[in-house]
Amino acid sequence: AVPVVAVIIDDIDFVRETTRVSVRYTVNDEV
């Protein structure tokens, strides 16, 4: 529920079938 600016894939584990990602998103001043 946030505006996503960019997503970077940090790590992919084909054995456990998981993906670690870094998500950059915008926030307003109040938050």
PDB file of all heavy atoms in Angstrom:
ATOM      1  N   ALA A   1       0.834  -1.213   0.000  1.00  0.00           N
ATOM      2  CA  ALA A   1       0.000   0.000   0.000  1.00  0.00           C
ATOM      3  C   ALA A   1       0.860   1.251   0.000  1.00  0.00           C
ATOM      4  O   ALA A   1       0.569   2.220   0.698  1.00  0.00           O
ATOM      5  CB  ALA A   1      -0.927  -0.018   1.211  1.00  0.00           C
ATOM      6  N   VAL A   2       1.946   1.231  -0.771  1.00  0.00           N
ATOM      7  CA  VAL A   2       2.843   2.381  -0.866  1.00  0.00           C
ATOM      8  C   VAL A   2       3.242   2.568  -2.322  1.00  0.00           C
ATOM      9  O   VAL A   2       3.284   1.596  -3.099  1.00  0.00           O
ATOM     10  CB  VAL A   2       4.109   2.194   0.008  1.00  0.00           C
ATOM     11  CG1 VAL A   2       3.743   2.189   1.487  1.00  0.00           C
ATOM     12  CG2 VAL A   2       4.842   0.910  -0.378  1.00  0.00           C
ATOM     13  N   PRO A   3       3.550   3.802  -2.732  1.00  0.00           N
ATOM     14  CA  PRO A   3       4.032   4.033  -4.106  1.00  0.00           C
ATOM     15  C   PRO A   3       5.467   3.528  -4.261  1.00  0.00           C
ATOM     16  O   PRO A   3       6.399   4.067  -3.662  1.00  0.00           O
ATOM     17  CB  PRO A   3       3.953   5.558  -4.262  1.00  0.00           C
ATOM     18  CG  PRO A   3       3.139   6.055  -3.103  1.00  0.00           C
ATOM     19  CD  PRO A   3       3.339   5.077  -2.006  1.00  0.00           C
ATOM     20  N   VAL A   4       5.664   2.499  -5.048  1.00  0.00           N
ATOM     21  CA  VAL A   4       6.980   1.900  -5.242  1.00  0.00           C
ATOM     22  C   VAL A   4       7.749   2.692  -6.296  1.00  0.00           C
ATOM     23  O   VAL A   4       7.259   2.912  -7.411  1.00  0.00           O
ATOM     24  CB  VAL A   4       6.851   0.424  -5.663  1.00  0.00           C
ATOM     25  CG1 VAL A   4       8.228  -0.167  -5.941  1.00  0.00           C
ATOM     26  CG2 VAL A   4       6.131  -0.369  -4.586  1.00  0.00           C
ATOM     27  N   VAL A   5       8.953   3.119  -5.932  1.00  0.00           N
ATOM     28  CA  VAL A   5       9.806   3.875  -6.847  1.00  0.00           C
ATOM     29  C   VAL A   5      10.737   2.957  -7.618  1.00  0.00           C
ATOM     30  O   VAL A   5      10.905   3.088  -8.825  1.00  0.00           O
ATOM     31  CB  VAL A   5      10.623   4.933  -6.079  1.00  0.00           C
ATOM     32  CG1 VAL A   5      11.570   5.672  -7.010  1.00  0.00           C
ATOM     33  CG2 VAL A   5       9.692   5.907  -5.370  1.00  0.00           C
ATOM     34  N   ALA A   6      11.359   2.018  -6.925  1.00  0.00           N
ATOM     35  CA  ALA A   6      12.313   1.115  -7.568  1.00  0.00           C
ATOM     36  C   ALA A   6      12.429  -0.165  -6.753  1.00  0.00           C
ATOM     37  O   ALA A   6      12.192  -0.175  -5.536  1.00  0.00           O
ATOM     38  CB  ALA A   6      13.690   1.774  -7.705  1.00  0.00           C
ATOM     39  N   VAL A   7      12.778  -1.248  -7.432  1.00  0.00           N
ATOM     40  CA  VAL A   7      12.976  -2.542  -6.792  1.00  0.00           C
ATOM     41  C   VAL A   7      14.305  -3.111  -7.270  1.00  0.00           C
ATOM     42  O   VAL A   7      14.580  -3.157  -8.470  1.00  0.00           O
ATOM     43  CB  VAL A   7      11.838  -3.532  -7.131  1.00  0.00           C
ATOM     44  CG1 VAL A   7      12.142  -4.913  -6.557  1.00  0.00           C
ATOM     45  CG2 VAL A   7      10.511  -3.019  -6.600  1.00  0.00           C
ATOM     46  N   ILE A   8      15.130  -3.522  -6.315  1.00  0.00           N
ATOM     47  CA  ILE A   8      16.425  -4.130  -6.625  1.00  0.00           C
ATOM     48  C   ILE A   8      16.422  -5.559  -6.088  1.00  0.00           C
ATOM     49  O   ILE A   8      16.091  -5.781  -4.914  1.00  0.00           O
ATOM     50  CB  ILE A   8      17.592  -3.343  -5.996  1.00  0.00           C
ATOM     51  CG1 ILE A   8      17.633  -1.927  -6.565  1.00  0.00           C
ATOM     52  CG2 ILE A   8      18.919  -4.050  -6.246  1.00  0.00           C
ATOM     53  CD1 ILE A   8      18.717  -1.067  -5.957  1.00  0.00           C
ATOM     54  N   ILE A   9      16.768  -6.511  -6.939  1.00  0.00           N
ATOM     55  CA  ILE A   9      16.860  -7.913  -6.520  1.00  0.00           C
ATOM     56  C   ILE A   9      18.237  -8.123  -5.896  1.00  0.00           C
ATOM     57  O   ILE A   9      19.265  -8.050  -6.570  1.00  0.00           O
ATOM     58  CB  ILE A   9      16.645  -8.856  -7.714  1.00  0.00           C
ATOM     59  CG1 ILE A   9      15.237  -8.675  -8.281  1.00  0.00           C
ATOM     60  CG2 ILE A   9      16.869 -10.303  -7.294  1.00  0.00           C
ATOM     61  CD1 ILE A   9      14.940  -9.546  -9.484  1.00  0.00           C
ATOM     62  N   ASP A  10      18.255  -8.377  -4.584  1.00  0.00           N
ATOM     63  CA  ASP A  10      19.512  -8.536  -3.857  1.00  0.00           C
ATOM     64  C   ASP A  10      20.062  -9.952  -3.918  1.00  0.00           C
ATOM     65  O   ASP A  10      21.271 -10.153  -4.015  1.00  0.00           O
ATOM     66  CB  ASP A  10      19.327  -8.128  -2.382  1.00  0.00           C
ATOM     67  CG  ASP A  10      18.936  -6.672  -2.236  1.00  0.00           C
ATOM     68  OD1 ASP A  10      19.427  -5.849  -3.025  1.00  0.00           O
ATOM     69  OD2 ASP A  10      18.136  -6.356  -1.332  1.00  0.00           O
ATOM     70  N   ASP A  11      19.168 -10.929  -3.846  1.00  0.00           N
ATOM     71  CA  ASP A  11      19.644 -12.316  -3.783  1.00  0.00           C
ATOM     72  C   ASP A  11      18.537 -13.251  -4.244  1.00  0.00           C
ATOM     73  O   ASP A  11      17.354 -13.021  -3.953  1.00  0.00           O
ATOM     74  CB  ASP A  11      20.073 -12.677  -2.350  1.00  0.00           C
ATOM     75  CG  ASP A  11      20.574 -14.107  -2.247  1.00  0.00           C
ATOM     76  OD1 ASP A  11      21.659 -14.399  -2.764  1.00  0.00           O
ATOM     77  OD2 ASP A  11      19.857 -14.940  -1.659  1.00  0.00           O
ATOM     78  N   ILE A  12      18.933 -14.295  -4.984  1.00  0.00           N
ATOM     79  CA  ILE A  12      17.994 -15.322  -5.436  1.00  0.00           C
ATOM     80  C   ILE A  12      18.500 -16.676  -4.948  1.00  0.00           C
ATOM     81  O   ILE A  12      19.655 -17.044  -5.221  1.00  0.00           O
ATOM     82  CB  ILE A  12      17.858 -15.334  -6.967  1.00  0.00           C
ATOM     83  CG1 ILE A  12      17.302 -13.996  -7.473  1.00  0.00           C
ATOM     84  CG2 ILE A  12      16.950 -16.484  -7.415  1.00  0.00           C
ATOM     85  CD1 ILE A  12      17.196 -13.915  -8.983  1.00  0.00           C
ATOM     86  N   ASP A  13      17.651 -17.388  -4.218  1.00  0.00           N
ATOM     87  CA  ASP A  13      17.989 -18.720  -3.712  1.00  0.00           C
ATOM     88  C   ASP A  13      17.124 -19.741  -4.448  1.00  0.00           C
ATOM     89  O   ASP A  13      15.930 -19.884  -4.165  1.00  0.00           O
ATOM     90  CB  ASP A  13      17.728 -18.788  -2.204  1.00  0.00           C
ATOM     91  CG  ASP A  13      18.314 -20.056  -1.580  1.00  0.00           C
ATOM     92  OD1 ASP A  13      18.435 -21.064  -2.295  1.00  0.00           O
ATOM     93  OD2 ASP A  13      18.641 -20.017  -0.371  1.00  0.00           O
ATOM     94  N   PHE A  14      17.739 -20.428  -5.415  1.00  0.00           N
ATOM     95  CA  PHE A  14      16.988 -21.392  -6.209  1.00  0.00           C
ATOM     96  C   PHE A  14      16.702 -22.663  -5.415  1.00  0.00           C
ATOM     97  O   PHE A  14      15.797 -23.423  -5.774  1.00  0.00           O
ATOM     98  CB  PHE A  14      17.757 -21.738  -7.482  1.00  0.00           C
ATOM     99  CG  PHE A  14      17.762 -20.641  -8.501  1.00  0.00           C
ATOM    100  CD1 PHE A  14      18.855 -19.794  -8.624  1.00  0.00           C
ATOM    101  CD2 PHE A  14      16.668 -20.436  -9.334  1.00  0.00           C
ATOM    102  CE1 PHE A  14      18.864 -18.765  -9.554  1.00  0.00           C
ATOM    103  CE2 PHE A  14      16.671 -19.411 -10.268  1.00  0.00           C
ATOM    104  CZ  PHE A  14      17.770 -18.573 -10.371  1.00  0.00           C
ATOM    105  N   VAL A  15      17.469 -22.922  -4.362  1.00  0.00           N
ATOM    106  CA  VAL A  15      17.243 -24.114  -3.555  1.00  0.00           C
ATOM    107  C   VAL A  15      15.994 -23.932  -2.692  1.00  0.00           C
ATOM    108  O   VAL A  15      15.101 -24.776  -2.666  1.00  0.00           O
ATOM    109  CB  VAL A  15      18.472 -24.417  -2.678  1.00  0.00           C
ATOM    110  CG1 VAL A  15      18.193 -25.624  -1.765  1.00  0.00           C
ATOM    111  CG2 VAL A  15      19.692 -24.691  -3.548  1.00  0.00           C
ATOM    112  N   ARG A  16      15.940 -22.813  -1.977  1.00  0.00           N
ATOM    113  CA  ARG A  16      14.781 -22.528  -1.121  1.00  0.00           C
ATOM    114  C   ARG A  16      13.652 -21.834  -1.892  1.00  0.00           C
ATOM    115  O   ARG A  16      12.572 -21.635  -1.350  1.00  0.00           O
ATOM    116  CB  ARG A  16      15.200 -21.644   0.051  1.00  0.00           C
ATOM    117  CG  ARG A  16      16.201 -22.298   0.987  1.00  0.00           C
ATOM    118  CD  ARG A  16      16.531 -21.371   2.146  1.00  0.00           C
ATOM    119  NE  ARG A  16      17.429 -21.974   3.100  1.00  0.00           N
ATOM    120  CZ  ARG A  16      18.748 -21.941   3.008  1.00  0.00           C
ATOM    121  NH1 ARG A  16      19.308 -21.327   1.970  1.00  0.00           N
ATOM    122  NH2 ARG A  16      19.512 -22.517   3.914  1.00  0.00           N
ATOM    123  N   GLU A  17      13.931 -21.468  -3.135  1.00  0.00           N
ATOM    124  CA  GLU A  17      12.964 -20.772  -3.987  1.00  0.00           C
ATOM    125  C   GLU A  17      12.473 -19.489  -3.316  1.00  0.00           C
ATOM    126  O   GLU A  17      11.268 -19.258  -3.139  1.00  0.00           O
ATOM    127  CB  GLU A  17      11.781 -21.691  -4.330  1.00  0.00           C
ATOM    128  CG  GLU A  17      12.172 -22.884  -5.187  1.00  0.00           C
ATOM    129  CD  GLU A  17      10.955 -23.670  -5.651  1.00  0.00           C
ATOM    130  OE1 GLU A  17       9.858 -23.398  -5.130  1.00  0.00           O
ATOM    131  OE2 GLU A  17      11.103 -24.535  -6.527  1.00  0.00           O
ATOM    132  N   THR A  18      13.429 -18.652  -2.953  1.00  0.00           N
ATOM    133  CA  THR A  18      13.116 -17.354  -2.352  1.00  0.00           C
ATOM    134  C   THR A  18      13.909 -16.265  -3.078  1.00  0.00           C
ATOM    135  O   THR A  18      14.943 -16.537  -3.705  1.00  0.00           O
ATOM    136  CB  THR A  18      13.471 -17.324  -0.855  1.00  0.00           C
ATOM    137  OG1 THR A  18      14.869 -17.602  -0.686  1.00  0.00           O
ATOM    138  CG2 THR A  18      12.643 -18.333  -0.080  1.00  0.00           C
ATOM    139  N   THR A  19      13.416 -15.054  -2.955  1.00  0.00           N
ATOM    140  CA  THR A  19      14.067 -13.891  -3.570  1.00  0.00           C
ATOM    141  C   THR A  19      14.085 -12.745  -2.559  1.00  0.00           C
ATOM    142  O   THR A  19      13.033 -12.372  -2.025  1.00  0.00           O
ATOM    143  CB  THR A  19      13.314 -13.433  -4.838  1.00  0.00           C
ATOM    144  OG1 THR A  19      13.171 -14.539  -5.730  1.00  0.00           O
ATOM    145  CG2 THR A  19      14.077 -12.303  -5.528  1.00  0.00           C
ATOM    146  N   ARG A  20      15.263 -12.209  -2.297  1.00  0.00           N
ATOM    147  CA  ARG A  20      15.395 -11.064  -1.405  1.00  0.00           C
ATOM    148  C   ARG A  20      15.467  -9.797  -2.251  1.00  0.00           C
ATOM    149  O   ARG A  20      16.285  -9.695  -3.174  1.00  0.00           O
ATOM    150  CB  ARG A  20      16.638 -11.178  -0.523  1.00  0.00           C
ATOM    151  CG  ARG A  20      16.563 -12.327   0.471  1.00  0.00           C
ATOM    152  CD  ARG A  20      17.845 -12.440   1.283  1.00  0.00           C
ATOM    153  NE  ARG A  20      18.085 -11.220   2.035  1.00  0.00           N
ATOM    154  CZ  ARG A  20      17.580 -10.988   3.248  1.00  0.00           C
ATOM    155  NH1 ARG A  20      16.803 -11.891   3.837  1.00  0.00           N
ATOM    156  NH2 ARG A  20      17.845  -9.869   3.876  1.00  0.00           N
ATOM    157  N   VAL A  21      14.621  -8.824  -1.937  1.00  0.00           N
ATOM    158  CA  VAL A  21      14.555  -7.597  -2.720  1.00  0.00           C
ATOM    159  C   VAL A  21      14.604  -6.389  -1.793  1.00  0.00           C
ATOM    160  O   VAL A  21      14.244  -6.465  -0.613  1.00  0.00           O
ATOM    161  CB  VAL A  21      13.260  -7.536  -3.569  1.00  0.00           C
ATOM    162  CG1 VAL A  21      13.230  -8.662  -4.577  1.00  0.00           C
ATOM    163  CG2 VAL A  21      12.027  -7.575  -2.676  1.00  0.00           C
ATOM    164  N   SER A  22      15.076  -5.278  -2.335  1.00  0.00           N
ATOM    165  CA  SER A  22      15.053  -3.983  -1.656  1.00  0.00           C
ATOM    166  C   SER A  22      14.081  -3.085  -2.408  1.00  0.00           C
ATOM    167  O   SER A  22      14.251  -2.858  -3.610  1.00  0.00           O
ATOM    168  CB  SER A  22      16.447  -3.353  -1.619  1.00  0.00           C
ATOM    169  OG  SER A  22      17.337  -4.150  -0.854  1.00  0.00           O
ATOM    170  N   VAL A  23      13.092  -2.580  -1.698  1.00  0.00           N
ATOM    171  CA  VAL A  23      12.031  -1.783  -2.306  1.00  0.00           C
ATOM    172  C   VAL A  23      12.168  -0.340  -1.831  1.00  0.00           C
ATOM    173  O   VAL A  23      12.129  -0.072  -0.625  1.00  0.00           O
ATOM    174  CB  VAL A  23      10.638  -2.326  -1.929  1.00  0.00           C
ATOM    175  CG1 VAL A  23       9.548  -1.533  -2.640  1.00  0.00           C
ATOM    176  CG2 VAL A  23      10.538  -3.808  -2.252  1.00  0.00           C
ATOM    177  N   ARG A  24      12.335   0.572  -2.759  1.00  0.00           N
ATOM    178  CA  ARG A  24      12.348   2.002  -2.420  1.00  0.00           C
ATOM    179  C   ARG A  24      10.990   2.590  -2.750  1.00  0.00           C
ATOM    180  O   ARG A  24      10.497   2.446  -3.863  1.00  0.00           O
ATOM    181  CB  ARG A  24      13.447   2.735  -3.205  1.00  0.00           C
ATOM    182  CG  ARG A  24      13.520   4.242  -2.883  1.00  0.00           C
ATOM    183  CD  ARG A  24      14.740   4.875  -3.506  1.00  0.00           C
ATOM    184  NE  ARG A  24      15.966   4.365  -2.937  1.00  0.00           N
ATOM    185  CZ  ARG A  24      16.506   4.811  -1.796  1.00  0.00           C
ATOM    186  NH1 ARG A  24      15.890   5.776  -1.107  1.00  0.00           N
ATOM    187  NH2 ARG A  24      17.624   4.306  -1.346  1.00  0.00           N
ATOM    188  N   TYR A  25      10.399   3.251  -1.747  1.00  0.00           N
ATOM    189  CA  TYR A  25       9.061   3.808  -1.923  1.00  0.00           C
ATOM    190  C   TYR A  25       8.991   5.194  -1.302  1.00  0.00           C
ATOM    191  O   TYR A  25       9.826   5.565  -0.469  1.00  0.00           O
ATOM    192  CB  TYR A  25       8.002   2.891  -1.296  1.00  0.00           C
ATOM    193  CG  TYR A  25       8.167   2.675   0.187  1.00  0.00           C
ATOM    194  CD1 TYR A  25       7.430   3.427   1.110  1.00  0.00           C
ATOM    195  CD2 TYR A  25       9.059   1.728   0.678  1.00  0.00           C
ATOM    196  CE1 TYR A  25       7.575   3.239   2.465  1.00  0.00           C
ATOM    197  CE2 TYR A  25       9.216   1.540   2.038  1.00  0.00           C
ATOM    198  CZ  TYR A  25       8.475   2.291   2.930  1.00  0.00           C
ATOM    199  OH  TYR A  25       8.644   2.104   4.284  1.00  0.00           O
ATOM    200  N   THR A  26       8.008   5.967  -1.704  1.00  0.00           N
ATOM    201  CA  THR A  26       7.867   7.337  -1.231  1.00  0.00           C
ATOM    202  C   THR A  26       6.947   7.376  -0.019  1.00  0.00           C
ATOM    203  O   THR A  26       6.042   6.561   0.126  1.00  0.00           O
ATOM    204  CB  THR A  26       7.292   8.243  -2.331  1.00  0.00           C
ATOM    205  OG1 THR A  26       6.002   7.747  -2.719  1.00  0.00           O
ATOM    206  CG2 THR A  26       8.225   8.260  -3.543  1.00  0.00           C
ATOM    207  N   VAL A  27       7.209   8.359   0.853  1.00  0.00           N
ATOM    208  CA  VAL A  27       6.374   8.590   2.023  1.00  0.00           C
ATOM    209  C   VAL A  27       6.098  10.081   2.115  1.00  0.00           C
ATOM    210  O   VAL A  27       6.904  10.911   1.668  1.00  0.00           O
ATOM    211  CB  VAL A  27       7.050   8.099   3.316  1.00  0.00           C
ATOM    212  CG1 VAL A  27       7.195   6.594   3.319  1.00  0.00           C
ATOM    213  CG2 VAL A  27       8.420   8.746   3.500  1.00  0.00           C
ATOM    214  N   ASN A  28       4.972  10.434   2.719  1.00  0.00           N
ATOM    215  CA  ASN A  28       4.675  11.848   2.896  1.00  0.00           C
ATOM    216  C   ASN A  28       5.316  12.350   4.183  1.00  0.00           C
ATOM    217  O   ASN A  28       5.826  11.577   4.996  1.00  0.00           O
ATOM    218  CB  ASN A  28       3.161  12.103   2.910  1.00  0.00           C
ATOM    219  CG  ASN A  28       2.449  11.257   3.957  1.00  0.00           C
ATOM    220  OD1 ASN A  28       2.928  11.068   5.065  1.00  0.00           O
ATOM    221  ND2 ASN A  28       1.282  10.733   3.598  1.00  0.00           N
ATOM    222  N   ASP A  29       5.300  13.660   4.392  1.00  0.00           N
ATOM    223  CA  ASP A  29       5.966  14.259   5.531  1.00  0.00           C
ATOM    224  C   ASP A  29       5.379  13.801   6.856  1.00  0.00           C
ATOM    225  O   ASP A  29       6.088  13.611   7.836  1.00  0.00           O
ATOM    226  CB  ASP A  29       5.879  15.789   5.449  1.00  0.00           C
ATOM    227  CG  ASP A  29       6.674  16.334   4.268  1.00  0.00           C
ATOM    228  OD1 ASP A  29       7.503  15.575   3.746  1.00  0.00           O
ATOM    229  OD2 ASP A  29       6.449  17.494   3.880  1.00  0.00           O
ATOM    230  N   GLU A  30       4.050  13.594   6.928  1.00  0.00           N
ATOM    231  CA  GLU A  30       3.441  13.194   8.183  1.00  0.00           C
ATOM    232  C   GLU A  30       3.917  11.809   8.603  1.00  0.00           C
ATOM    233  O   GLU A  30       4.209  11.565   9.775  1.00  0.00           O
ATOM    234  CB  GLU A  30       1.917  13.194   8.041  1.00  0.00           C
ATOM    235  CG  GLU A  30       1.285  14.581   7.946  1.00  0.00           C
ATOM    236  CD  GLU A  30       1.492  15.220   6.584  1.00  0.00           C
ATOM    237  OE1 GLU A  30       1.896  14.489   5.646  1.00  0.00           O
ATOM    238  OE2 GLU A  30       1.256  16.428   6.449  1.00  0.00           O
ATOM    239  N   VAL A  31       4.008  10.890   7.636  1.00  0.00           N
ATOM    240  CA  VAL A  31       4.487   9.548   7.954  1.00  0.00           C
ATOM    241  C   VAL A  31       5.943   9.596   8.374  1.00  0.00           C
ATOM    242  O   VAL A  31       6.377   8.906   9.296  1.00  0.00           O
ATOM    243  CB  VAL A  31       4.305   8.608   6.743  1.00  0.00           C
ATOM    244  CG1 VAL A  31       4.944   7.259   6.998  1.00  0.00           C
ATOM    245  CG2 VAL A  31       2.825   8.450   6.444  1.00  0.00           C
TER     246      VAL A  31
END
